Every structure is written in structure tokens, then in C-alpha cells.
Amino acid sequence: DHISFLVSEHGGEKIIRELESYLPQNLYKDMMVVYEGNSKITFKGRGSEEALEEILMAVYEPRGVTVMCWKGKFTMEDIRMMRETIDTGQIHGLTP
């Protein structure tokens, strides 16, 4: 399995727009969005209803952006456990 990082302290909005323009919308589905203070965290997934092959997490902050990509096999139970570790009351669009 594999994990990749992209960190930018400048031009975050432009980088995210460019990144999202390259992601095929029919392959990457929004999983959830978390708002915390001035930050926004988005999760997107690629795969089937039984398992995901890739998870993208983008952290938008006023001064930059961080994108992490995990590749492997993630079951819906894995996703549920990941979701439960996020400790905030400002989660929107949860899946599954």
C-alpha cells in the first residue's frame, strides 16, 4: 500500500482547483467534509461500494493546503472507524 503528501504554504486555492480539475468526477466521490475553525477538510474516495482503492484528504487552511493520498484496499468498516476518530461536531455529508 502507498501514501503520498503534497504540502503548499502558498497558492493553496489555486493548487486545489487544479488538482480537482484533474480528478474524474465519475471516479472520485465526496465522502465527507469537516469544518474546524478557519480550516476545511475534505475526503474523497475511489472504488466500489464494497471497498475503496484510494482515499484523498485535502486540508484547506488560510495559509496553505495539505493533500494526502492513501492507496490500498479500504473496507466500509475501515471507513467507519476512520470517521469515528474525527472528534468534531461539524461534519457534513458522511458516507457510509
C-alpha atoms as a PDB file:
ATOM      1  CA  ASP A   1       0.000   0.000   0.000  1.00  0.00           C
ATOM      2  CA  HIS A   2       1.048   3.592  -0.526  1.00  0.00           C
ATOM      3  CA  ILE A   3       0.713   7.096   0.953  1.00  0.00           C
ATOM      4  CA  SER A   4       1.621  10.404  -0.734  1.00  0.00           C
ATOM      5  CA  PHE A   5       1.717  14.003   0.545  1.00  0.00           C
ATOM      6  CA  LEU A   6       1.527  17.411  -1.102  1.00  0.00           C
ATOM      7  CA  VAL A   7       2.125  20.428   1.131  1.00  0.00           C
ATOM      8  CA  SER A   8       1.940  24.039  -0.052  1.00  0.00           C
ATOM      9  CA  GLU A   9       2.274  27.135   2.099  1.00  0.00           C
ATOM     10  CA  HIS A  10       1.336  29.429  -0.801  1.00  0.00           C
ATOM     11  CA  GLY A  11      -1.289  29.327  -3.549  1.00  0.00           C
ATOM     12  CA  GLY A  12      -3.444  26.731  -1.837  1.00  0.00           C
ATOM     13  CA  GLU A  13      -6.740  27.662  -3.518  1.00  0.00           C
ATOM     14  CA  LYS A  14      -5.158  27.554  -6.990  1.00  0.00           C
ATOM     15  CA  ILE A  15      -3.483  24.218  -6.314  1.00  0.00           C
ATOM     16  CA  ILE A  16      -6.719  22.666  -5.048  1.00  0.00           C
ATOM     17  CA  ARG A  17      -8.698  23.940  -8.070  1.00  0.00           C
ATOM     18  CA  GLU A  18      -6.090  22.466 -10.410  1.00  0.00           C
ATOM     19  CA  LEU A  19      -5.983  19.168  -8.521  1.00  0.00           C
ATOM     20  CA  GLU A  20      -9.771  18.838  -8.505  1.00  0.00           C
ATOM     21  CA  SER A  21      -9.936  19.641 -12.230  1.00  0.00           C
ATOM     22  CA  TYR A  22      -7.740  16.573 -12.884  1.00  0.00           C
ATOM     23  CA  LEU A  23      -9.866  14.219 -10.748  1.00  0.00           C
ATOM     24  CA  PRO A  24     -12.544  12.480 -12.820  1.00  0.00           C
ATOM     25  CA  GLN A  25     -15.825  13.242 -11.031  1.00  0.00           C
ATOM     26  CA  ASN A  26     -17.245   9.861 -12.035  1.00  0.00           C
ATOM     27  CA  LEU A  27     -14.375   8.072 -10.221  1.00  0.00           C
ATOM     28  CA  TYR A  28     -13.826  10.204  -7.092  1.00  0.00           C
ATOM     29  CA  LYS A  29     -16.844  10.629  -4.837  1.00  0.00           C
ATOM     30  CA  ASP A  30     -17.133  13.061  -1.934  1.00  0.00           C
ATOM     31  CA  MET A  31     -17.157  11.148   1.356  1.00  0.00           C
ATOM     32  CA  MET A  32     -17.273  13.903   3.968  1.00  0.00           C
ATOM     33  CA  VAL A  33     -16.363  17.493   4.755  1.00  0.00           C
ATOM     34  CA  VAL A  34     -15.161  18.679   8.181  1.00  0.00           C
ATOM     35  CA  TYR A  35     -15.109  22.360   9.190  1.00  0.00           C
ATOM     36  CA  GLU A  36     -12.935  23.322  12.136  1.00  0.00           C
ATOM     37  CA  GLY A  37     -12.219  26.996  12.776  1.00  0.00           C
ATOM     38  CA  ASN A  38     -10.801  28.504   9.574  1.00  0.00           C
ATOM     39  CA  SER A  39      -9.931  25.078   8.193  1.00  0.00           C
ATOM     40  CA  LYS A  40     -11.890  22.817   5.865  1.00  0.00           C
ATOM     41  CA  ILE A  41     -11.022  19.141   5.423  1.00  0.00           C
ATOM     42  CA  THR A  42     -12.460  17.175   2.513  1.00  0.00           C
ATOM     43  CA  PHE A  43     -12.353  13.416   1.954  1.00  0.00           C
ATOM     44  CA  LYS A  44     -12.865  11.831  -1.465  1.00  0.00           C
ATOM     45  CA  GLY A  45     -12.815   8.145  -2.337  1.00  0.00           C
ATOM     46  CA  ARG A  46     -12.374   5.973  -5.411  1.00  0.00           C
ATOM     47  CA  GLY A  47     -13.548   2.383  -5.624  1.00  0.00           C
ATOM     48  CA  SER A  48     -16.695   0.297  -5.303  1.00  0.00           C
ATOM     49  CA  GLU A  49     -19.467   0.085  -2.727  1.00  0.00           C
ATOM     50  CA  GLU A  50     -17.652  -2.832  -1.061  1.00  0.00           C
ATOM     51  CA  ALA A  51     -14.187  -1.283  -0.810  1.00  0.00           C
ATOM     52  CA  LEU A  52     -12.238   1.844  -1.712  1.00  0.00           C
ATOM     53  CA  GLU A  53      -8.924   1.708  -3.565  1.00  0.00           C
ATOM     54  CA  GLU A  54      -7.896   5.291  -2.857  1.00  0.00           C
ATOM     55  CA  ILE A  55      -8.719   7.996  -0.308  1.00  0.00           C
ATOM     56  CA  LEU A  56      -7.802  11.661  -0.830  1.00  0.00           C
ATOM     57  CA  MET A  57      -7.808  14.088   2.083  1.00  0.00           C
ATOM     58  CA  ALA A  58      -7.341  17.817   1.462  1.00  0.00           C
ATOM     59  CA  VAL A  59      -6.841  20.264   4.334  1.00  0.00           C
ATOM     60  CA  TYR A  60      -7.573  23.862   3.327  1.00  0.00           C
ATOM     61  CA  GLU A  61      -6.136  26.437   5.714  1.00  0.00           C
ATOM     62  CA  PRO A  62      -5.829  30.218   5.337  1.00  0.00           C
ATOM     63  CA  ARG A  63      -2.078  29.963   4.782  1.00  0.00           C
ATOM     64  CA  GLY A  64      -1.862  26.835   2.622  1.00  0.00           C
ATOM     65  CA  VAL A  65      -3.069  23.387   1.770  1.00  0.00           C
ATOM     66  CA  THR A  66      -2.075  19.809   2.541  1.00  0.00           C
ATOM     67  CA  VAL A  67      -3.213  16.874   0.420  1.00  0.00           C
ATOM     68  CA  MET A  68      -2.724  13.246   1.438  1.00  0.00           C
ATOM     69  CA  CYS A  69      -3.479  10.238  -0.743  1.00  0.00           C
ATOM     70  CA  TRP A  70      -3.773   6.690   0.585  1.00  0.00           C
ATOM     71  CA  LYS A  71      -3.817   3.760  -1.857  1.00  0.00           C
ATOM     72  CA  GLY A  72      -4.750   0.255  -0.800  1.00  0.00           C
ATOM     73  CA  LYS A  73      -7.924  -1.662  -0.020  1.00  0.00           C
ATOM     74  CA  PHE A  74     -10.243   0.036   2.468  1.00  0.00           C
ATOM     75  CA  THR A  75     -13.467  -1.674   3.504  1.00  0.00           C
ATOM     76  CA  MET A  76     -16.541   0.220   4.636  1.00  0.00           C
ATOM     77  CA  GLU A  77     -15.667  -0.873   8.194  1.00  0.00           C
ATOM     78  CA  ASP A  78     -12.245   0.809   7.774  1.00  0.00           C
ATOM     79  CA  ILE A  79     -14.002   3.999   6.631  1.00  0.00           C
ATOM     80  CA  ARG A  80     -16.427   3.858   9.568  1.00  0.00           C
ATOM     81  CA  MET A  81     -13.528   3.513  12.043  1.00  0.00           C
ATOM     82  CA  MET A  82     -11.678   6.419  10.417  1.00  0.00           C
ATOM     83  CA  ARG A  83     -14.811   8.580  10.594  1.00  0.00           C
ATOM     84  CA  GLU A  84     -15.263   7.808  14.300  1.00  0.00           C
ATOM     85  CA  THR A  85     -11.734   9.035  15.100  1.00  0.00           C
ATOM     86  CA  ILE A  86     -12.588  12.561  13.899  1.00  0.00           C
ATOM     87  CA  ASP A  87     -13.612  14.463  17.027  1.00  0.00           C
ATOM     88  CA  THR A  88     -15.696  17.403  15.838  1.00  0.00           C
ATOM     89  CA  GLY A  89     -19.355  18.296  15.736  1.00  0.00           C
ATOM     90  CA  GLN A  90     -19.040  19.994  12.344  1.00  0.00           C
ATOM     91  CA  ILE A  91     -19.036  17.006   9.959  1.00  0.00           C
ATOM     92  CA  HIS A  92     -21.164  17.160   6.810  1.00  0.00           C
ATOM     93  CA  GLY A  93     -22.012  14.628   4.094  1.00  0.00           C
ATOM     94  CA  LEU A  94     -20.954  11.438   5.857  1.00  0.00           C
ATOM     95  CA  THR A  95     -20.679   8.255   3.846  1.00  0.00           C
ATOM     96  CA  PRO A  96     -21.426   5.371   4.510  1.00  0.00           C
END
